[in-house]
Amino acid sequence: MLTMTSPFGGGPTESGVLVSVALLDVDGALVFGQAEHQVHYAASVMKIAVLVAVHRCMDAGILSSRAVVDVTAPVLSPVTGDPVLVEADANDPTLLAMGCASVATLIDRMITISSNEATNHLINLVGAPACDQVWRDIGATGCEVGRLLYDGGAREAGATNTITALGAAKLMHAIYTHQVAHRSSCRAMRATLQAQRHRDLIPPLCPPGSVIGNKEGASTGVRHDVAYVRPPEGSPFTLAVSASGTATLTEMDTLLANEITAALAVRP
């Protein structure tokens, strides 16, 4: 199928923001792209790779969804050995107040409310290499899980978490088409993604009545969303958008809304 160029053009916008878009059809083929191979800091979109890695460990019988984790115990940096502390404005006080939480609870909070502590506890259970392998297995060049969230020591040592719009879209498509784990696990991941509470970018612009599983991400200078959409009419599709630059979050959301609208206009 023909790959189309964004009507808004490629490269940085006048505001200095680099915008990436990848739209995949029901078969996972790219039908609309703009800077889709550009590497961006992943922010919370990396949590989708963690989600898959945890489900793979449960598929293999080496982890149980009922296993209980002491969420008050610090997660230690593999690089420095120091406790990794999530900043106060990005932590999950409700999870910390639980004292202990099941793996199932950690999975839910990692995705539906984007809990950073839940994410770090799950990475601590399965290991960053297992999460990174998820990207390798789908051929997502430029995507990486290299460290815990808020692990300053690892960041200073050069470890990072990155995505591309194409890689993020490919992973979401692979989950929905049962390619990355057992079918039952993929169905469970779909249910978790469809329970997402952060639905500010792609979902509001999709056809009313669409069934949508998505994961947003935001950090200083970056904004993302990736979604698998099953509209009431027409074929399912996967859409990922990313922005990196010096604009405000509101400005990035406006730029990405324009790109989402353009992509939806040519969806299969």
C-alpha atoms as a PDB file:
ATOM      1  CA  MET A   1       0.000   0.000   0.000  1.00  0.00           C
ATOM      2  CA  LEU A   2       1.183   3.568  -0.765  1.00  0.00           C
ATOM      3  CA  THR A   3       2.882   5.410   2.082  1.00  0.00           C
ATOM      4  CA  MET A   4       1.565   8.964   2.260  1.00  0.00           C
ATOM      5  CA  THR A   5       3.390  12.074   3.463  1.00  0.00           C
ATOM      6  CA  SER A   6       1.790  14.294   6.067  1.00  0.00           C
ATOM      7  CA  PRO A   7       0.086  17.364   4.595  1.00  0.00           C
ATOM      8  CA  PHE A   8       1.699  19.304   7.425  1.00  0.00           C
ATOM      9  CA  GLY A   9       5.185  18.450   6.127  1.00  0.00           C
ATOM     10  CA  GLY A  10       8.157  16.630   7.664  1.00  0.00           C
ATOM     11  CA  GLY A  11      10.861  17.810  10.024  1.00  0.00           C
ATOM     12  CA  PRO A  12      10.659  20.359  12.843  1.00  0.00           C
ATOM     13  CA  THR A  13       7.708  22.745  12.862  1.00  0.00           C
ATOM     14  CA  GLU A  14       8.079  26.507  13.091  1.00  0.00           C
ATOM     15  CA  SER A  15       7.866  26.159  16.869  1.00  0.00           C
ATOM     16  CA  GLY A  16      10.912  23.899  16.878  1.00  0.00           C
ATOM     17  CA  VAL A  17       8.934  20.748  17.663  1.00  0.00           C
ATOM     18  CA  LEU A  18       9.749  17.528  15.828  1.00  0.00           C
ATOM     19  CA  VAL A  19       6.540  15.615  15.150  1.00  0.00           C
ATOM     20  CA  SER A  20       6.384  11.925  14.211  1.00  0.00           C
ATOM     21  CA  VAL A  21       3.371   9.946  13.016  1.00  0.00           C
ATOM     22  CA  ALA A  22       2.804   6.305  12.075  1.00  0.00           C
ATOM     23  CA  LEU A  23      -0.538   4.914  10.931  1.00  0.00           C
ATOM     24  CA  LEU A  24      -0.775   1.152  10.374  1.00  0.00           C
ATOM     25  CA  ASP A  25      -3.586  -0.704   8.660  1.00  0.00           C
ATOM     26  CA  VAL A  26      -5.273  -3.853   9.949  1.00  0.00           C
ATOM     27  CA  ASP A  27      -2.364  -5.942   8.639  1.00  0.00           C
ATOM     28  CA  GLY A  28       0.281  -3.759  10.284  1.00  0.00           C
ATOM     29  CA  ALA A  29       1.434  -2.065   7.062  1.00  0.00           C
ATOM     30  CA  LEU A  30       2.429   1.605   7.208  1.00  0.00           C
ATOM     31  CA  VAL A  31      -0.076   3.702   5.265  1.00  0.00           C
ATOM     32  CA  PHE A  32       0.732   7.184   6.575  1.00  0.00           C
ATOM     33  CA  GLY A  33       4.043   8.310   7.986  1.00  0.00           C
ATOM     34  CA  GLN A  34       5.970  11.383   9.028  1.00  0.00           C
ATOM     35  CA  ALA A  35       9.417  11.071  10.632  1.00  0.00           C
ATOM     36  CA  GLU A  36       8.204   7.669  11.826  1.00  0.00           C
ATOM     37  CA  HIS A  37      11.764   6.412  12.420  1.00  0.00           C
ATOM     38  CA  GLN A  38      12.784   9.450  14.493  1.00  0.00           C
ATOM     39  CA  VAL A  39      13.958   8.475  17.985  1.00  0.00           C
ATOM     40  CA  HIS A  40      12.238  10.239  20.893  1.00  0.00           C
ATOM     41  CA  TYR A  41      12.605   9.890  24.645  1.00  0.00           C
ATOM     42  CA  ALA A  42       9.927   7.338  25.494  1.00  0.00           C
ATOM     43  CA  ALA A  43       8.372   8.777  28.649  1.00  0.00           C
ATOM     44  CA  SER A  44       5.536   6.451  29.708  1.00  0.00           C
ATOM     45  CA  VAL A  45       5.060   4.734  26.341  1.00  0.00           C
ATOM     46  CA  MET A  46       7.891   2.362  27.356  1.00  0.00           C
ATOM     47  CA  LYS A  47       5.422   0.903  29.854  1.00  0.00           C
ATOM     48  CA  ILE A  48       3.797  -1.018  26.995  1.00  0.00           C
ATOM     49  CA  ALA A  49       7.033  -3.009  26.565  1.00  0.00           C
ATOM     50  CA  VAL A  50       7.091  -3.645  30.325  1.00  0.00           C
ATOM     51  CA  LEU A  51       3.482  -4.837  30.121  1.00  0.00           C
ATOM     52  CA  VAL A  52       4.398  -7.395  27.468  1.00  0.00           C
ATOM     53  CA  ALA A  53       7.519  -8.570  29.313  1.00  0.00           C
ATOM     54  CA  VAL A  54       5.551  -9.177  32.520  1.00  0.00           C
ATOM     55  CA  HIS A  55       2.858 -11.144  30.686  1.00  0.00           C
ATOM     56  CA  ARG A  56       5.540 -13.229  28.981  1.00  0.00           C
ATOM     57  CA  CYS A  57       6.966 -14.120  32.391  1.00  0.00           C
ATOM     58  CA  MET A  58       3.504 -15.142  33.550  1.00  0.00           C
ATOM     59  CA  ASP A  59       3.059 -17.206  30.373  1.00  0.00           C
ATOM     60  CA  ALA A  60       6.332 -18.978  31.188  1.00  0.00           C
ATOM     61  CA  GLY A  61       5.177 -19.742  34.737  1.00  0.00           C
ATOM     62  CA  ILE A  62       8.001 -17.792  36.396  1.00  0.00           C
ATOM     63  CA  LEU A  63       5.710 -15.055  37.701  1.00  0.00           C
ATOM     64  CA  SER A  64       2.148 -15.065  38.993  1.00  0.00           C
ATOM     65  CA  SER A  65      -0.385 -12.257  38.744  1.00  0.00           C
ATOM     66  CA  ARG A  66      -1.219 -13.066  42.378  1.00  0.00           C
ATOM     67  CA  ALA A  67       2.362 -12.619  43.609  1.00  0.00           C
ATOM     68  CA  VAL A  68       2.568  -9.873  46.226  1.00  0.00           C
ATOM     69  CA  VAL A  69       5.159  -7.113  46.187  1.00  0.00           C
ATOM     70  CA  ASP A  70       6.158  -4.870  49.097  1.00  0.00           C
ATOM     71  CA  VAL A  71       5.727  -1.516  47.375  1.00  0.00           C
ATOM     72  CA  THR A  72       7.250   0.347  50.312  1.00  0.00           C
ATOM     73  CA  ALA A  73      10.596  -1.371  49.722  1.00  0.00           C
ATOM     74  CA  PRO A  74      12.910   0.749  47.567  1.00  0.00           C
ATOM     75  CA  VAL A  75      13.784  -0.346  44.052  1.00  0.00           C
ATOM     76  CA  LEU A  76      17.553  -0.109  43.682  1.00  0.00           C
ATOM     77  CA  SER A  77      19.393   1.201  40.656  1.00  0.00           C
ATOM     78  CA  PRO A  78      21.293  -1.634  38.928  1.00  0.00           C
ATOM     79  CA  VAL A  79      23.986   0.936  38.118  1.00  0.00           C
ATOM     80  CA  THR A  80      24.602   2.687  41.439  1.00  0.00           C
ATOM     81  CA  GLY A  81      22.842   0.429  43.951  1.00  0.00           C
ATOM     82  CA  ASP A  82      21.036   3.487  45.323  1.00  0.00           C
ATOM     83  CA  PRO A  83      17.272   3.653  45.871  1.00  0.00           C
ATOM     84  CA  VAL A  84      15.405   5.070  42.884  1.00  0.00           C
ATOM     85  CA  LEU A  85      13.035   7.775  44.067  1.00  0.00           C
ATOM     86  CA  VAL A  86      10.169   9.028  41.923  1.00  0.00           C
ATOM     87  CA  GLU A  87       9.708  12.785  42.133  1.00  0.00           C
ATOM     88  CA  ALA A  88       6.859  13.942  44.353  1.00  0.00           C
ATOM     89  CA  ASP A  89       4.821  15.390  41.491  1.00  0.00           C
ATOM     90  CA  ALA A  90       5.008  12.088  39.569  1.00  0.00           C
ATOM     91  CA  ASN A  91       4.557   9.489  42.280  1.00  0.00           C
ATOM     92  CA  ASP A  92       1.626   7.228  43.160  1.00  0.00           C
ATOM     93  CA  PRO A  93       0.683   7.864  46.815  1.00  0.00           C
ATOM     94  CA  THR A  94      -2.288   5.511  46.623  1.00  0.00           C
ATOM     95  CA  LEU A  95      -0.049   2.594  45.683  1.00  0.00           C
ATOM     96  CA  LEU A  96       2.456   3.466  48.402  1.00  0.00           C
ATOM     97  CA  ALA A  97      -0.351   3.587  50.963  1.00  0.00           C
ATOM     98  CA  MET A  98      -1.315   0.004  50.100  1.00  0.00           C
ATOM     99  CA  GLY A  99       1.946  -1.286  51.576  1.00  0.00           C
ATOM    100  CA  CYS A 100       1.750  -4.439  49.447  1.00  0.00           C
ATOM    101  CA  ALA A 101       0.238  -4.988  46.017  1.00  0.00           C
ATOM    102  CA  SER A 102      -0.240  -7.922  43.682  1.00  0.00           C
ATOM    103  CA  VAL A 103       1.435  -8.098  40.299  1.00  0.00           C
ATOM    104  CA  ALA A 104      -2.043  -7.732  38.775  1.00  0.00           C
ATOM    105  CA  THR A 105      -2.555  -4.477  40.666  1.00  0.00           C
ATOM    106  CA  LEU A 106       0.847  -3.193  39.577  1.00  0.00           C
ATOM    107  CA  ILE A 107       0.038  -3.996  35.933  1.00  0.00           C
ATOM    108  CA  ASP A 108      -3.278  -2.184  36.149  1.00  0.00           C
ATOM    109  CA  ARG A 109      -1.840   0.928  37.791  1.00  0.00           C
ATOM    110  CA  MET A 110       1.187   1.035  35.482  1.00  0.00           C
ATOM    111  CA  ILE A 111      -1.070   1.297  32.422  1.00  0.00           C
ATOM    112  CA  THR A 112      -4.388   2.823  33.474  1.00  0.00           C
ATOM    113  CA  ILE A 113      -3.005   5.658  35.621  1.00  0.00           C
ATOM    114  CA  SER A 114       0.629   5.442  34.442  1.00  0.00           C
ATOM    115  CA  SER A 115       2.067   4.732  37.901  1.00  0.00           C
ATOM    116  CA  ASN A 116       5.838   5.166  37.856  1.00  0.00           C
ATOM    117  CA  GLU A 117       6.361   3.206  41.069  1.00  0.00           C
ATOM    118  CA  ALA A 118       4.324   0.296  39.740  1.00  0.00           C
ATOM    119  CA  THR A 119       6.450   0.347  36.598  1.00  0.00           C
ATOM    120  CA  ASN A 120       9.727   0.274  38.492  1.00  0.00           C
ATOM    121  CA  HIS A 121       8.584  -2.602  40.701  1.00  0.00           C
ATOM    122  CA  LEU A 122       7.593  -4.608  37.618  1.00  0.00           C
ATOM    123  CA  ILE A 123      10.888  -3.878  35.857  1.00  0.00           C
ATOM    124  CA  ASN A 124      12.611  -4.950  39.060  1.00  0.00           C
ATOM    125  CA  LEU A 125      10.753  -8.278  38.872  1.00  0.00           C
ATOM    126  CA  VAL A 126      11.432  -9.126  35.220  1.00  0.00           C
ATOM    127  CA  GLY A 127      14.559  -7.081  34.438  1.00  0.00           C
ATOM    128  CA  ALA A 128      15.071  -4.267  31.940  1.00  0.00           C
ATOM    129  CA  PRO A 129      16.667  -6.658  29.396  1.00  0.00           C
ATOM    130  CA  ALA A 130      13.426  -8.672  29.200  1.00  0.00           C
ATOM    131  CA  CYS A 131      11.497  -5.459  28.564  1.00  0.00           C
ATOM    132  CA  ASP A 132      13.986  -4.336  25.929  1.00  0.00           C
ATOM    133  CA  GLN A 133      13.747  -7.733  24.228  1.00  0.00           C
ATOM    134  CA  VAL A 134      10.112  -6.982  23.442  1.00  0.00           C
ATOM    135  CA  TRP A 135      11.246  -4.208  21.101  1.00  0.00           C
ATOM    136  CA  ARG A 136      13.906  -6.443  19.556  1.00  0.00           C
ATOM    137  CA  ASP A 137      11.382  -9.198  18.856  1.00  0.00           C
ATOM    138  CA  ILE A 138       9.158  -6.951  16.758  1.00  0.00           C
ATOM    139  CA  GLY A 139      12.080  -5.302  14.945  1.00  0.00           C
ATOM    140  CA  ALA A 140      11.450  -1.892  16.501  1.00  0.00           C
ATOM    141  CA  THR A 141      14.733  -0.187  15.648  1.00  0.00           C
ATOM    142  CA  GLY A 142      15.323   2.915  17.770  1.00  0.00           C
ATOM    143  CA  CYS A 143      13.154   1.683  20.644  1.00  0.00           C
ATOM    144  CA  GLU A 144      14.846   0.781  23.921  1.00  0.00           C
ATOM    145  CA  VAL A 145      14.182   0.018  27.582  1.00  0.00           C
ATOM    146  CA  GLY A 146      17.535   0.702  29.173  1.00  0.00           C
ATOM    147  CA  ARG A 147      16.766   1.780  32.710  1.00  0.00           C
ATOM    148  CA  LEU A 148      14.271   2.271  35.492  1.00  0.00           C
ATOM    149  CA  LEU A 149      12.229   5.453  35.549  1.00  0.00           C
ATOM    150  CA  TYR A 150      13.883   8.250  37.558  1.00  0.00           C
ATOM    151  CA  ASP A 151      17.137   6.319  37.795  1.00  0.00           C
ATOM    152  CA  GLY A 152      19.445   9.316  37.675  1.00  0.00           C
ATOM    153  CA  GLY A 153      22.596   7.255  38.058  1.00  0.00           C
ATOM    154  CA  ALA A 154      21.733   5.086  35.068  1.00  0.00           C
ATOM    155  CA  ARG A 155      20.790   8.153  33.054  1.00  0.00           C
ATOM    156  CA  GLU A 156      24.154   9.768  33.803  1.00  0.00           C
ATOM    157  CA  ALA A 157      25.840   6.536  32.720  1.00  0.00           C
ATOM    158  CA  GLY A 158      24.109   6.825  29.329  1.00  0.00           C
ATOM    159  CA  ALA A 159      21.168   4.429  29.792  1.00  0.00           C
ATOM    160  CA  THR A 160      17.840   5.639  28.444  1.00  0.00           C
ATOM    161  CA  ASN A 161      14.356   4.667  27.280  1.00  0.00           C
ATOM    162  CA  THR A 162      13.417   5.559  23.707  1.00  0.00           C
ATOM    163  CA  ILE A 163      10.716   4.982  21.118  1.00  0.00           C
ATOM    164  CA  THR A 164       9.881   5.758  17.516  1.00  0.00           C
ATOM    165  CA  ALA A 165       6.338   6.350  16.317  1.00  0.00           C
ATOM    166  CA  LEU A 166       6.659   3.333  14.039  1.00  0.00           C
ATOM    167  CA  GLY A 167       7.997   1.104  16.817  1.00  0.00           C
ATOM    168  CA  ALA A 168       5.246   2.121  19.237  1.00  0.00           C
ATOM    169  CA  ALA A 169       2.580   1.487  16.607  1.00  0.00           C
ATOM    170  CA  LYS A 170       4.087  -1.895  15.718  1.00  0.00           C
ATOM    171  CA  LEU A 171       4.039  -3.006  19.357  1.00  0.00           C
ATOM    172  CA  MET A 172       0.433  -1.951  19.900  1.00  0.00           C
ATOM    173  CA  HIS A 173      -0.557  -3.745  16.680  1.00  0.00           C
ATOM    174  CA  ALA A 174       1.349  -6.863  17.780  1.00  0.00           C
ATOM    175  CA  ILE A 175      -0.529  -6.958  21.094  1.00  0.00           C
ATOM    176  CA  TYR A 176      -3.907  -6.659  19.412  1.00  0.00           C
ATOM    177  CA  THR A 177      -3.054  -9.336  16.851  1.00  0.00           C
ATOM    178  CA  HIS A 178      -1.702 -11.775  19.467  1.00  0.00           C
ATOM    179  CA  GLN A 179       1.900 -11.780  18.188  1.00  0.00           C
ATOM    180  CA  VAL A 180       3.908 -10.988  21.334  1.00  0.00           C
ATOM    181  CA  ALA A 181       2.562 -13.395  23.971  1.00  0.00           C
ATOM    182  CA  HIS A 182       0.015 -16.163  24.446  1.00  0.00           C
ATOM    183  CA  ARG A 183      -3.407 -15.298  23.066  1.00  0.00           C
ATOM    184  CA  SER A 184      -4.946 -15.132  26.551  1.00  0.00           C
ATOM    185  CA  SER A 185      -2.228 -12.738  27.697  1.00  0.00           C
ATOM    186  CA  CYS A 186      -2.729 -10.520  24.670  1.00  0.00           C
ATOM    187  CA  ARG A 187      -6.449 -10.414  25.418  1.00  0.00           C
ATOM    188  CA  ALA A 188      -5.656  -9.411  29.009  1.00  0.00           C
ATOM    189  CA  MET A 189      -3.290  -6.678  27.799  1.00  0.00           C
ATOM    190  CA  ARG A 190      -5.965  -5.377  25.454  1.00  0.00           C
ATOM    191  CA  ALA A 191      -8.437  -5.151  28.346  1.00  0.00           C
ATOM    192  CA  THR A 192      -5.907  -3.224  30.422  1.00  0.00           C
ATOM    193  CA  LEU A 193      -5.114  -0.799  27.589  1.00  0.00           C
ATOM    194  CA  GLN A 194      -8.830  -0.271  26.959  1.00  0.00           C
ATOM    195  CA  ALA A 195      -9.258   0.653  30.648  1.00  0.00           C
ATOM    196  CA  GLN A 196      -6.799   3.528  30.152  1.00  0.00           C
ATOM    197  CA  ARG A 197      -7.802   6.713  31.991  1.00  0.00           C
ATOM    198  CA  HIS A 198      -5.531   9.096  30.068  1.00  0.00           C
ATOM    199  CA  ARG A 199      -7.375   9.651  26.789  1.00  0.00           C
ATOM    200  CA  ASP A 200      -6.563  13.213  25.780  1.00  0.00           C
ATOM    201  CA  LEU A 201      -4.991  12.925  22.313  1.00  0.00           C
ATOM    202  CA  ILE A 202      -6.038  10.159  19.902  1.00  0.00           C
ATOM    203  CA  PRO A 203      -9.293   8.843  21.459  1.00  0.00           C
ATOM    204  CA  PRO A 204     -11.312  12.104  21.359  1.00  0.00           C
ATOM    205  CA  LEU A 205     -10.605  12.487  17.629  1.00  0.00           C
ATOM    206  CA  CYS A 206     -11.605   8.937  16.661  1.00  0.00           C
ATOM    207  CA  PRO A 207     -15.053   8.021  15.320  1.00  0.00           C
ATOM    208  CA  PRO A 208     -17.672   7.916  18.103  1.00  0.00           C
ATOM    209  CA  GLY A 209     -18.274   4.401  19.342  1.00  0.00           C
ATOM    210  CA  SER A 210     -14.734   3.207  18.575  1.00  0.00           C
ATOM    211  CA  VAL A 211     -13.158   0.635  20.883  1.00  0.00           C
ATOM    212  CA  ILE A 212      -9.735   2.030  21.769  1.00  0.00           C
ATOM    213  CA  GLY A 213      -6.739   0.795  23.705  1.00  0.00           C
ATOM    214  CA  ASN A 214      -4.080   3.468  24.154  1.00  0.00           C
ATOM    215  CA  LYS A 215      -1.081   4.626  26.157  1.00  0.00           C
ATOM    216  CA  GLU A 216       0.017   8.219  26.433  1.00  0.00           C
ATOM    217  CA  GLY A 217       3.350   9.588  27.573  1.00  0.00           C
ATOM    218  CA  ALA A 218       4.614  13.004  28.608  1.00  0.00           C
ATOM    219  CA  SER A 219       7.786  14.407  30.076  1.00  0.00           C
ATOM    220  CA  THR A 220       9.770  17.596  29.766  1.00  0.00           C
ATOM    221  CA  GLY A 221       9.970  18.316  26.051  1.00  0.00           C
ATOM    222  CA  VAL A 222       8.102  15.212  24.846  1.00  0.00           C
ATOM    223  CA  ARG A 223       4.500  14.126  24.251  1.00  0.00           C
ATOM    224  CA  HIS A 224       3.175  10.831  22.859  1.00  0.00           C
ATOM    225  CA  ASP A 225       0.106   8.732  22.287  1.00  0.00           C
ATOM    226  CA  VAL A 226      -0.305   5.343  20.635  1.00  0.00           C
ATOM    227  CA  ALA A 227      -3.634   3.605  20.110  1.00  0.00           C
ATOM    228  CA  TYR A 228      -5.249   0.598  18.513  1.00  0.00           C
ATOM    229  CA  VAL A 229      -8.658   1.652  17.239  1.00  0.00           C
ATOM    230  CA  ARG A 230     -11.578  -0.529  16.227  1.00  0.00           C
ATOM    231  CA  PRO A 231     -14.106   1.896  14.710  1.00  0.00           C
ATOM    232  CA  PRO A 232     -17.814   1.051  14.444  1.00  0.00           C
ATOM    233  CA  GLU A 233     -17.391   1.078  10.642  1.00  0.00           C
ATOM    234  CA  GLY A 234     -14.315   0.200   8.629  1.00  0.00           C
ATOM    235  CA  SER A 235     -11.159  -1.711   9.484  1.00  0.00           C
ATOM    236  CA  PRO A 236      -9.178  -1.482  12.724  1.00  0.00           C
ATOM    237  CA  PHE A 237      -6.001   0.582  12.622  1.00  0.00           C
ATOM    238  CA  THR A 238      -3.100   1.593  14.841  1.00  0.00           C
ATOM    239  CA  LEU A 239      -1.904   5.178  15.217  1.00  0.00           C
ATOM    240  CA  ALA A 240       1.120   6.583  17.058  1.00  0.00           C
ATOM    241  CA  VAL A 241       2.098  10.234  17.395  1.00  0.00           C
ATOM    242  CA  SER A 242       5.146  11.760  19.094  1.00  0.00           C
ATOM    243  CA  ALA A 243       6.476  15.271  19.588  1.00  0.00           C
ATOM    244  CA  SER A 244       9.830  16.445  20.938  1.00  0.00           C
ATOM    245  CA  GLY A 245      10.946  20.044  21.398  1.00  0.00           C
ATOM    246  CA  THR A 246      10.802  23.155  23.523  1.00  0.00           C
ATOM    247  CA  ALA A 247       7.101  23.941  23.141  1.00  0.00           C
ATOM    248  CA  THR A 248       4.643  23.751  26.014  1.00  0.00           C
ATOM    249  CA  LEU A 249       2.510  20.670  26.543  1.00  0.00           C
ATOM    250  CA  THR A 250      -0.520  22.586  25.273  1.00  0.00           C
ATOM    251  CA  GLU A 251       1.322  23.600  22.107  1.00  0.00           C
ATOM    252  CA  MET A 252       2.464  20.023  21.531  1.00  0.00           C
ATOM    253  CA  ASP A 253      -1.073  18.746  22.014  1.00  0.00           C
ATOM    254  CA  THR A 254      -2.316  21.193  19.384  1.00  0.00           C
ATOM    255  CA  LEU A 255       0.357  20.120  16.905  1.00  0.00           C
ATOM    256  CA  LEU A 256      -0.374  16.446  17.521  1.00  0.00           C
ATOM    257  CA  ALA A 257      -4.126  16.985  17.217  1.00  0.00           C
ATOM    258  CA  ASN A 258      -3.515  18.386  13.722  1.00  0.00           C
ATOM    259  CA  GLU A 259      -1.457  15.338  12.793  1.00  0.00           C
ATOM    260  CA  ILE A 260      -3.997  12.919  14.245  1.00  0.00           C
ATOM    261  CA  THR A 261      -6.766  14.620  12.256  1.00  0.00           C
ATOM    262  CA  ALA A 262      -4.669  14.379   9.065  1.00  0.00           C
ATOM    263  CA  ALA A 263      -3.939  10.710   9.656  1.00  0.00           C
ATOM    264  CA  LEU A 264      -7.550   9.829  10.426  1.00  0.00           C
ATOM    265  CA  ALA A 265      -8.613  11.480   7.190  1.00  0.00           C
ATOM    266  CA  VAL A 266      -6.658   8.872   5.215  1.00  0.00           C
ATOM    267  CA  ARG A 267      -7.155   5.872   7.466  1.00  0.00           C
ATOM    268  CA  PRO A 268      -7.965   2.614   5.673  1.00  0.00           C
END
